Amino acid sequence: MPDQPLDARAEIKLLRDALHAAHEQGSHMHQVFGGWEECSPCEKANDECDGTFACDASKAWQKVTETGRRSRAEVAVDRLLAELTELRTQLRIAERRNADLADQLAERTRQLNGLLDAIGFDEKAVPA
């Protein structure tokens, strides 16, 4: 699958829908097997001990739940954290390099001002 841009809102909706579907499916099971609601397909599946919910609503809820389990949101968060870690490392390297360059510039300025003093020049390369 090619890397497609992540639509965070769509992924959040997918996860929220999956959570809602899992809740609805569990509630349905509780209502049917507790005797408070009737659902012939689920009761038939239970009587036949095949371990599935047979009604269309349960199948639809299960499909949404399974889709939510395959969400790219968690993968995207892991990728973003890895990128953030890499960028922080690059920033620390750049900051160290900047400090080294500042030290080199200060040393060169000191050397240049020393040379200017030695030849009796009235002005400094960089004023102190």
N, C-alpha and C. Protein backbone atom coordinates (compact mmCIF):
# COMPACT_ATOMS: atom_id res chain seq x y z
N MET A 1 0.84 -1.18 0.00
CA MET A 1 0.00 0.00 0.00
C MET A 1 0.88 1.24 0.00
N PRO A 2 0.70 2.13 -0.95
CA PRO A 2 1.53 3.33 -0.98
C PRO A 2 1.24 4.21 0.24
N ASP A 3 2.27 4.95 0.62
CA ASP A 3 2.10 5.86 1.75
C ASP A 3 1.18 7.00 1.36
N GLN A 4 0.02 7.04 1.97
CA GLN A 4 -0.94 8.11 1.72
C GLN A 4 -0.89 9.06 2.90
N PRO A 5 -1.15 10.33 2.66
CA PRO A 5 -1.18 11.26 3.79
C PRO A 5 -2.24 10.82 4.79
N LEU A 6 -1.91 10.98 6.04
CA LEU A 6 -2.83 10.59 7.10
C LEU A 6 -3.84 11.70 7.33
N ASP A 7 -5.11 11.34 7.30
CA ASP A 7 -6.18 12.27 7.64
C ASP A 7 -6.56 11.95 9.08
N ALA A 8 -6.01 12.72 10.02
CA ALA A 8 -6.19 12.43 11.44
C ALA A 8 -7.66 12.41 11.83
N ARG A 9 -8.45 13.35 11.30
CA ARG A 9 -9.87 13.38 11.65
C ARG A 9 -10.58 12.11 11.18
N ALA A 10 -10.25 11.65 10.00
CA ALA A 10 -10.87 10.42 9.48
C ALA A 10 -10.46 9.22 10.33
N GLU A 11 -9.20 9.18 10.74
CA GLU A 11 -8.73 8.07 11.57
C GLU A 11 -9.39 8.10 12.94
N ILE A 12 -9.55 9.28 13.51
CA ILE A 12 -10.22 9.40 14.81
C ILE A 12 -11.67 8.96 14.68
N LYS A 13 -12.34 9.36 13.59
CA LYS A 13 -13.72 8.93 13.38
C LYS A 13 -13.79 7.42 13.24
N LEU A 14 -12.84 6.82 12.53
CA LEU A 14 -12.79 5.38 12.35
C LEU A 14 -12.67 4.69 13.72
N LEU A 15 -11.78 5.20 14.56
CA LEU A 15 -11.59 4.61 15.89
C LEU A 15 -12.84 4.82 16.76
N ARG A 16 -13.42 6.01 16.69
CA ARG A 16 -14.62 6.29 17.48
C ARG A 16 -15.78 5.40 17.02
N ASP A 17 -15.94 5.22 15.71
CA ASP A 17 -16.98 4.35 15.19
C ASP A 17 -16.76 2.90 15.63
N ALA A 18 -15.50 2.47 15.63
CA ALA A 18 -15.19 1.11 16.06
C ALA A 18 -15.52 0.91 17.54
N LEU A 19 -15.19 1.90 18.35
CA LEU A 19 -15.50 1.81 19.78
C LEU A 19 -17.02 1.75 19.98
N HIS A 20 -17.74 2.60 19.27
CA HIS A 20 -19.20 2.62 19.37
C HIS A 20 -19.78 1.27 18.91
N ALA A 21 -19.27 0.73 17.82
CA ALA A 21 -19.77 -0.54 17.30
C ALA A 21 -19.51 -1.68 18.29
N ALA A 22 -18.33 -1.69 18.90
CA ALA A 22 -18.03 -2.73 19.89
C ALA A 22 -18.98 -2.61 21.08
N HIS A 23 -19.27 -1.39 21.49
CA HIS A 23 -20.20 -1.17 22.60
C HIS A 23 -21.59 -1.66 22.22
N GLU A 24 -22.05 -1.29 21.03
CA GLU A 24 -23.39 -1.70 20.58
C GLU A 24 -23.49 -3.22 20.47
N GLN A 25 -22.45 -3.85 19.96
CA GLN A 25 -22.47 -5.30 19.80
C GLN A 25 -22.53 -5.98 21.17
N GLY A 26 -21.73 -5.49 22.11
CA GLY A 26 -21.75 -6.05 23.46
C GLY A 26 -23.10 -5.84 24.14
N SER A 27 -23.66 -4.67 23.96
CA SER A 27 -24.97 -4.36 24.54
C SER A 27 -26.04 -5.28 23.94
N HIS A 28 -25.97 -5.47 22.63
CA HIS A 28 -26.92 -6.34 21.94
C HIS A 28 -26.83 -7.75 22.52
N MET A 29 -25.61 -8.24 22.66
CA MET A 29 -25.40 -9.60 23.20
C MET A 29 -26.00 -9.69 24.61
N HIS A 30 -25.71 -8.69 25.43
CA HIS A 30 -26.22 -8.68 26.80
C HIS A 30 -27.75 -8.68 26.81
N GLN A 31 -28.35 -7.84 26.00
CA GLN A 31 -29.81 -7.75 25.96
C GLN A 31 -30.46 -9.05 25.47
N VAL A 32 -29.89 -9.64 24.42
CA VAL A 32 -30.48 -10.86 23.85
C VAL A 32 -30.30 -12.03 24.80
N PHE A 33 -29.09 -12.24 25.28
CA PHE A 33 -28.84 -13.41 26.11
C PHE A 33 -29.30 -13.21 27.55
N GLY A 34 -29.60 -11.99 27.93
CA GLY A 34 -30.19 -11.74 29.23
C GLY A 34 -31.71 -11.87 29.20
N GLY A 35 -32.26 -12.01 28.01
CA GLY A 35 -33.69 -12.21 27.87
C GLY A 35 -34.49 -10.93 27.79
N TRP A 36 -33.86 -9.79 27.65
CA TRP A 36 -34.57 -8.52 27.61
C TRP A 36 -34.90 -8.08 26.19
N GLU A 37 -34.32 -8.73 25.23
CA GLU A 37 -34.53 -8.36 23.82
C GLU A 37 -34.55 -9.65 23.02
N GLU A 38 -35.28 -9.65 21.92
CA GLU A 38 -35.31 -10.82 21.05
C GLU A 38 -34.58 -10.55 19.76
N CYS A 39 -33.81 -11.55 19.32
CA CYS A 39 -33.13 -11.48 18.02
C CYS A 39 -33.00 -12.92 17.54
N SER A 40 -33.88 -13.31 16.67
CA SER A 40 -33.92 -14.70 16.21
C SER A 40 -32.60 -15.20 15.64
N PRO A 41 -31.93 -14.42 14.77
CA PRO A 41 -30.67 -14.94 14.22
C PRO A 41 -29.60 -15.18 15.30
N CYS A 42 -29.50 -14.28 16.26
CA CYS A 42 -28.49 -14.45 17.31
C CYS A 42 -28.86 -15.60 18.25
N GLU A 43 -30.17 -15.72 18.56
CA GLU A 43 -30.63 -16.81 19.42
C GLU A 43 -30.40 -18.15 18.73
N LYS A 44 -30.65 -18.20 17.43
CA LYS A 44 -30.44 -19.43 16.67
C LYS A 44 -28.96 -19.79 16.67
N ALA A 45 -28.10 -18.79 16.43
CA ALA A 45 -26.65 -19.05 16.43
C ALA A 45 -26.20 -19.53 17.80
N ASN A 46 -26.76 -18.96 18.85
CA ASN A 46 -26.41 -19.38 20.20
C ASN A 46 -26.88 -20.80 20.47
N ASP A 47 -28.10 -21.13 20.05
CA ASP A 47 -28.64 -22.48 20.26
C ASP A 47 -27.81 -23.52 19.52
N GLU A 48 -27.27 -23.14 18.36
CA GLU A 48 -26.46 -24.08 17.58
C GLU A 48 -25.01 -24.10 18.04
N CYS A 49 -24.69 -23.26 19.03
CA CYS A 49 -23.35 -23.20 19.63
C CYS A 49 -22.25 -22.95 18.61
N ASP A 50 -22.53 -22.10 17.60
CA ASP A 50 -21.47 -21.83 16.63
C ASP A 50 -20.62 -20.62 17.03
N GLY A 51 -20.94 -19.97 18.14
CA GLY A 51 -20.10 -18.90 18.68
C GLY A 51 -20.13 -17.60 17.91
N THR A 52 -21.07 -17.44 17.03
CA THR A 52 -21.13 -16.19 16.26
C THR A 52 -22.44 -15.49 16.52
N PHE A 53 -22.46 -14.21 16.16
CA PHE A 53 -23.72 -13.48 16.12
C PHE A 53 -24.16 -13.50 14.67
N ALA A 54 -25.37 -13.88 14.45
CA ALA A 54 -25.82 -14.07 13.07
C ALA A 54 -26.63 -12.92 12.52
N CYS A 55 -27.08 -12.00 13.35
CA CYS A 55 -27.92 -10.94 12.81
C CYS A 55 -27.09 -9.92 12.03
N ASP A 56 -27.75 -9.25 11.12
CA ASP A 56 -27.07 -8.28 10.26
C ASP A 56 -26.45 -7.14 11.06
N ALA A 57 -27.13 -6.68 12.11
CA ALA A 57 -26.59 -5.58 12.92
C ALA A 57 -25.28 -5.99 13.57
N SER A 58 -25.24 -7.20 14.13
CA SER A 58 -24.00 -7.65 14.77
C SER A 58 -22.87 -7.79 13.76
N LYS A 59 -23.19 -8.30 12.59
CA LYS A 59 -22.17 -8.43 11.55
C LYS A 59 -21.64 -7.06 11.14
N ALA A 60 -22.53 -6.08 11.04
CA ALA A 60 -22.11 -4.72 10.66
C ALA A 60 -21.25 -4.11 11.77
N TRP A 61 -21.66 -4.30 13.03
CA TRP A 61 -20.86 -3.78 14.14
C TRP A 61 -19.48 -4.42 14.16
N GLN A 62 -19.45 -5.74 13.91
CA GLN A 62 -18.17 -6.45 13.92
C GLN A 62 -17.26 -5.94 12.81
N LYS A 63 -17.83 -5.67 11.65
CA LYS A 63 -17.03 -5.16 10.54
C LYS A 63 -16.43 -3.79 10.89
N VAL A 64 -17.22 -2.91 11.47
CA VAL A 64 -16.72 -1.59 11.86
C VAL A 64 -15.64 -1.72 12.93
N THR A 65 -15.86 -2.63 13.88
CA THR A 65 -14.87 -2.85 14.94
C THR A 65 -13.55 -3.34 14.35
N GLU A 66 -13.62 -4.30 13.45
CA GLU A 66 -12.40 -4.82 12.82
C GLU A 66 -11.69 -3.74 12.00
N THR A 67 -12.45 -2.90 11.32
CA THR A 67 -11.85 -1.81 10.56
C THR A 67 -11.09 -0.87 11.49
N GLY A 68 -11.68 -0.58 12.64
CA GLY A 68 -11.03 0.29 13.61
C GLY A 68 -9.75 -0.30 14.15
N ARG A 69 -9.68 -1.60 14.26
CA ARG A 69 -8.46 -2.25 14.75
C ARG A 69 -7.32 -2.12 13.75
N ARG A 70 -7.64 -1.86 12.51
CA ARG A 70 -6.60 -1.70 11.49
C ARG A 70 -6.30 -0.24 11.21
N SER A 71 -6.68 0.63 12.11
CA SER A 71 -6.46 2.06 11.93
C SER A 71 -4.97 2.38 11.79
N ARG A 72 -4.70 3.35 10.97
CA ARG A 72 -3.31 3.78 10.78
C ARG A 72 -2.91 4.84 11.80
N ALA A 73 -3.83 5.24 12.66
CA ALA A 73 -3.54 6.32 13.60
C ALA A 73 -2.36 5.99 14.51
N GLU A 74 -2.35 4.79 15.07
CA GLU A 74 -1.26 4.43 15.98
C GLU A 74 0.07 4.36 15.25
N VAL A 75 0.05 3.82 14.04
CA VAL A 75 1.26 3.76 13.23
C VAL A 75 1.74 5.18 12.92
N ALA A 76 0.81 6.06 12.60
CA ALA A 76 1.17 7.45 12.29
C ALA A 76 1.76 8.14 13.50
N VAL A 77 1.20 7.90 14.69
CA VAL A 77 1.75 8.51 15.90
C VAL A 77 3.17 8.00 16.13
N ASP A 78 3.39 6.70 15.97
CA ASP A 78 4.74 6.15 16.14
C ASP A 78 5.71 6.78 15.14
N ARG A 79 5.26 6.96 13.90
CA ARG A 79 6.11 7.56 12.87
C ARG A 79 6.44 9.01 13.23
N LEU A 80 5.43 9.75 13.70
CA LEU A 80 5.66 11.14 14.09
C LEU A 80 6.61 11.26 15.27
N LEU A 81 6.48 10.35 16.23
CA LEU A 81 7.40 10.35 17.37
C LEU A 81 8.83 10.06 16.92
N ALA A 82 8.98 9.12 15.99
CA ALA A 82 10.31 8.82 15.47
C ALA A 82 10.90 10.02 14.74
N GLU A 83 10.07 10.69 13.94
CA GLU A 83 10.53 11.89 13.22
C GLU A 83 10.90 12.99 14.21
N LEU A 84 10.10 13.16 15.26
CA LEU A 84 10.39 14.17 16.27
C LEU A 84 11.72 13.87 16.97
N THR A 85 11.95 12.62 17.29
CA THR A 85 13.22 12.23 17.92
C THR A 85 14.39 12.53 17.00
N GLU A 86 14.24 12.21 15.72
CA GLU A 86 15.30 12.47 14.75
C GLU A 86 15.55 13.98 14.62
N LEU A 87 14.49 14.76 14.56
CA LEU A 87 14.64 16.21 14.43
C LEU A 87 15.28 16.81 15.68
N ARG A 88 14.94 16.29 16.85
CA ARG A 88 15.59 16.77 18.08
C ARG A 88 17.08 16.45 18.06
N THR A 89 17.42 15.27 17.58
CA THR A 89 18.84 14.90 17.47
C THR A 89 19.56 15.83 16.50
N GLN A 90 18.93 16.10 15.37
CA GLN A 90 19.53 17.01 14.39
C GLN A 90 19.68 18.41 14.98
N LEU A 91 18.71 18.85 15.75
CA LEU A 91 18.77 20.16 16.38
C LEU A 91 19.93 20.24 17.38
N ARG A 92 20.08 19.19 18.19
CA ARG A 92 21.21 19.18 19.14
C ARG A 92 22.54 19.22 18.42
N ILE A 93 22.65 18.49 17.31
CA ILE A 93 23.89 18.49 16.52
C ILE A 93 24.14 19.89 15.96
N ALA A 94 23.08 20.52 15.42
CA ALA A 94 23.21 21.87 14.86
C ALA A 94 23.58 22.88 15.94
N GLU A 95 22.99 22.73 17.12
CA GLU A 95 23.33 23.65 18.22
C GLU A 95 24.79 23.49 18.64
N ARG A 96 25.26 22.25 18.70
CA ARG A 96 26.69 22.03 19.03
C ARG A 96 27.59 22.60 17.95
N ARG A 97 27.22 22.41 16.69
CA ARG A 97 28.00 22.94 15.57
C ARG A 97 28.00 24.48 15.63
N ASN A 98 26.86 25.07 15.93
CA ASN A 98 26.76 26.52 16.05
C ASN A 98 27.67 27.03 17.18
N ALA A 99 27.68 26.32 18.31
CA ALA A 99 28.55 26.72 19.42
C ALA A 99 30.02 26.61 19.01
N ASP A 100 30.37 25.54 18.29
CA ASP A 100 31.75 25.38 17.81
C ASP A 100 32.14 26.52 16.87
N LEU A 101 31.22 26.86 15.95
CA LEU A 101 31.50 27.95 15.02
C LEU A 101 31.64 29.29 15.75
N ALA A 102 30.81 29.50 16.77
CA ALA A 102 30.90 30.74 17.56
C ALA A 102 32.26 30.80 18.27
N ASP A 103 32.71 29.66 18.80
CA ASP A 103 34.03 29.62 19.45
C ASP A 103 35.14 29.89 18.43
N GLN A 104 35.02 29.31 17.25
CA GLN A 104 36.03 29.55 16.21
C GLN A 104 36.04 31.01 15.79
N LEU A 105 34.87 31.61 15.65
CA LEU A 105 34.78 33.02 15.27
C LEU A 105 35.41 33.90 16.35
N ALA A 106 35.13 33.60 17.60
CA ALA A 106 35.71 34.37 18.70
C ALA A 106 37.24 34.26 18.69
N GLU A 107 37.75 33.06 18.43
CA GLU A 107 39.20 32.86 18.39
C GLU A 107 39.82 33.61 17.20
N ARG A 108 39.16 33.53 16.04
CA ARG A 108 39.67 34.25 14.87
C ARG A 108 39.65 35.77 15.10
N THR A 109 38.59 36.27 15.71
CA THR A 109 38.48 37.69 16.02
C THR A 109 39.60 38.11 16.98
N ARG A 110 39.84 37.28 18.00
CA ARG A 110 40.92 37.57 18.94
C ARG A 110 42.26 37.60 18.22
N GLN A 111 42.50 36.65 17.32
CA GLN A 111 43.76 36.61 16.57
C GLN A 111 43.90 37.84 15.68
N LEU A 112 42.80 38.19 14.99
CA LEU A 112 42.84 39.33 14.10
C LEU A 112 43.08 40.63 14.87
N ASN A 113 42.41 40.80 16.00
CA ASN A 113 42.63 41.99 16.82
C ASN A 113 44.06 42.02 17.35
N GLY A 114 44.62 40.86 17.66
CA GLY A 114 46.02 40.81 18.09
C GLY A 114 46.96 41.25 16.99
N LEU A 115 46.68 40.80 15.76
CA LEU A 115 47.52 41.21 14.63
C LEU A 115 47.40 42.71 14.38
N LEU A 116 46.17 43.22 14.47
CA LEU A 116 45.96 44.65 14.27
C LEU A 116 46.70 45.45 15.34
N ASP A 117 46.71 44.96 16.58
CA ASP A 117 47.47 45.62 17.65
C ASP A 117 48.97 45.61 17.34
N ALA A 118 49.42 44.46 16.80
CA ALA A 118 50.85 44.31 16.53
C ALA A 118 51.34 45.28 15.45
N ILE A 119 50.49 45.58 14.50
CA ILE A 119 50.92 46.50 13.44
C ILE A 119 50.56 47.95 13.77
N GLY A 120 49.97 48.17 14.94
CA GLY A 120 49.67 49.52 15.37
C GLY A 120 48.45 50.11 14.71
N PHE A 121 47.53 49.30 14.23
CA PHE A 121 46.31 49.80 13.61
C PHE A 121 45.38 50.30 14.69
N ASP A 122 44.75 51.46 14.45
CA ASP A 122 43.95 52.12 15.48
C ASP A 122 42.61 51.45 15.77
N GLU A 123 42.04 50.76 14.79
CA GLU A 123 40.72 50.17 15.00
C GLU A 123 40.83 48.66 15.12
N LYS A 124 39.88 48.07 15.82
CA LYS A 124 39.81 46.61 15.98
C LYS A 124 38.99 46.04 14.85
N ALA A 125 39.23 44.74 14.54
CA ALA A 125 38.43 44.04 13.53
C ALA A 125 36.97 43.99 13.98
N VAL A 126 36.81 43.65 15.21
CA VAL A 126 35.49 43.63 15.83
C VAL A 126 35.64 44.29 17.17
N PRO A 127 34.96 45.38 17.43
CA PRO A 127 35.12 46.06 18.72
C PRO A 127 34.75 45.14 19.86
N ALA A 128 35.44 45.29 20.95
CA ALA A 128 35.21 44.44 22.11
C ALA A 128 33.93 44.78 22.81
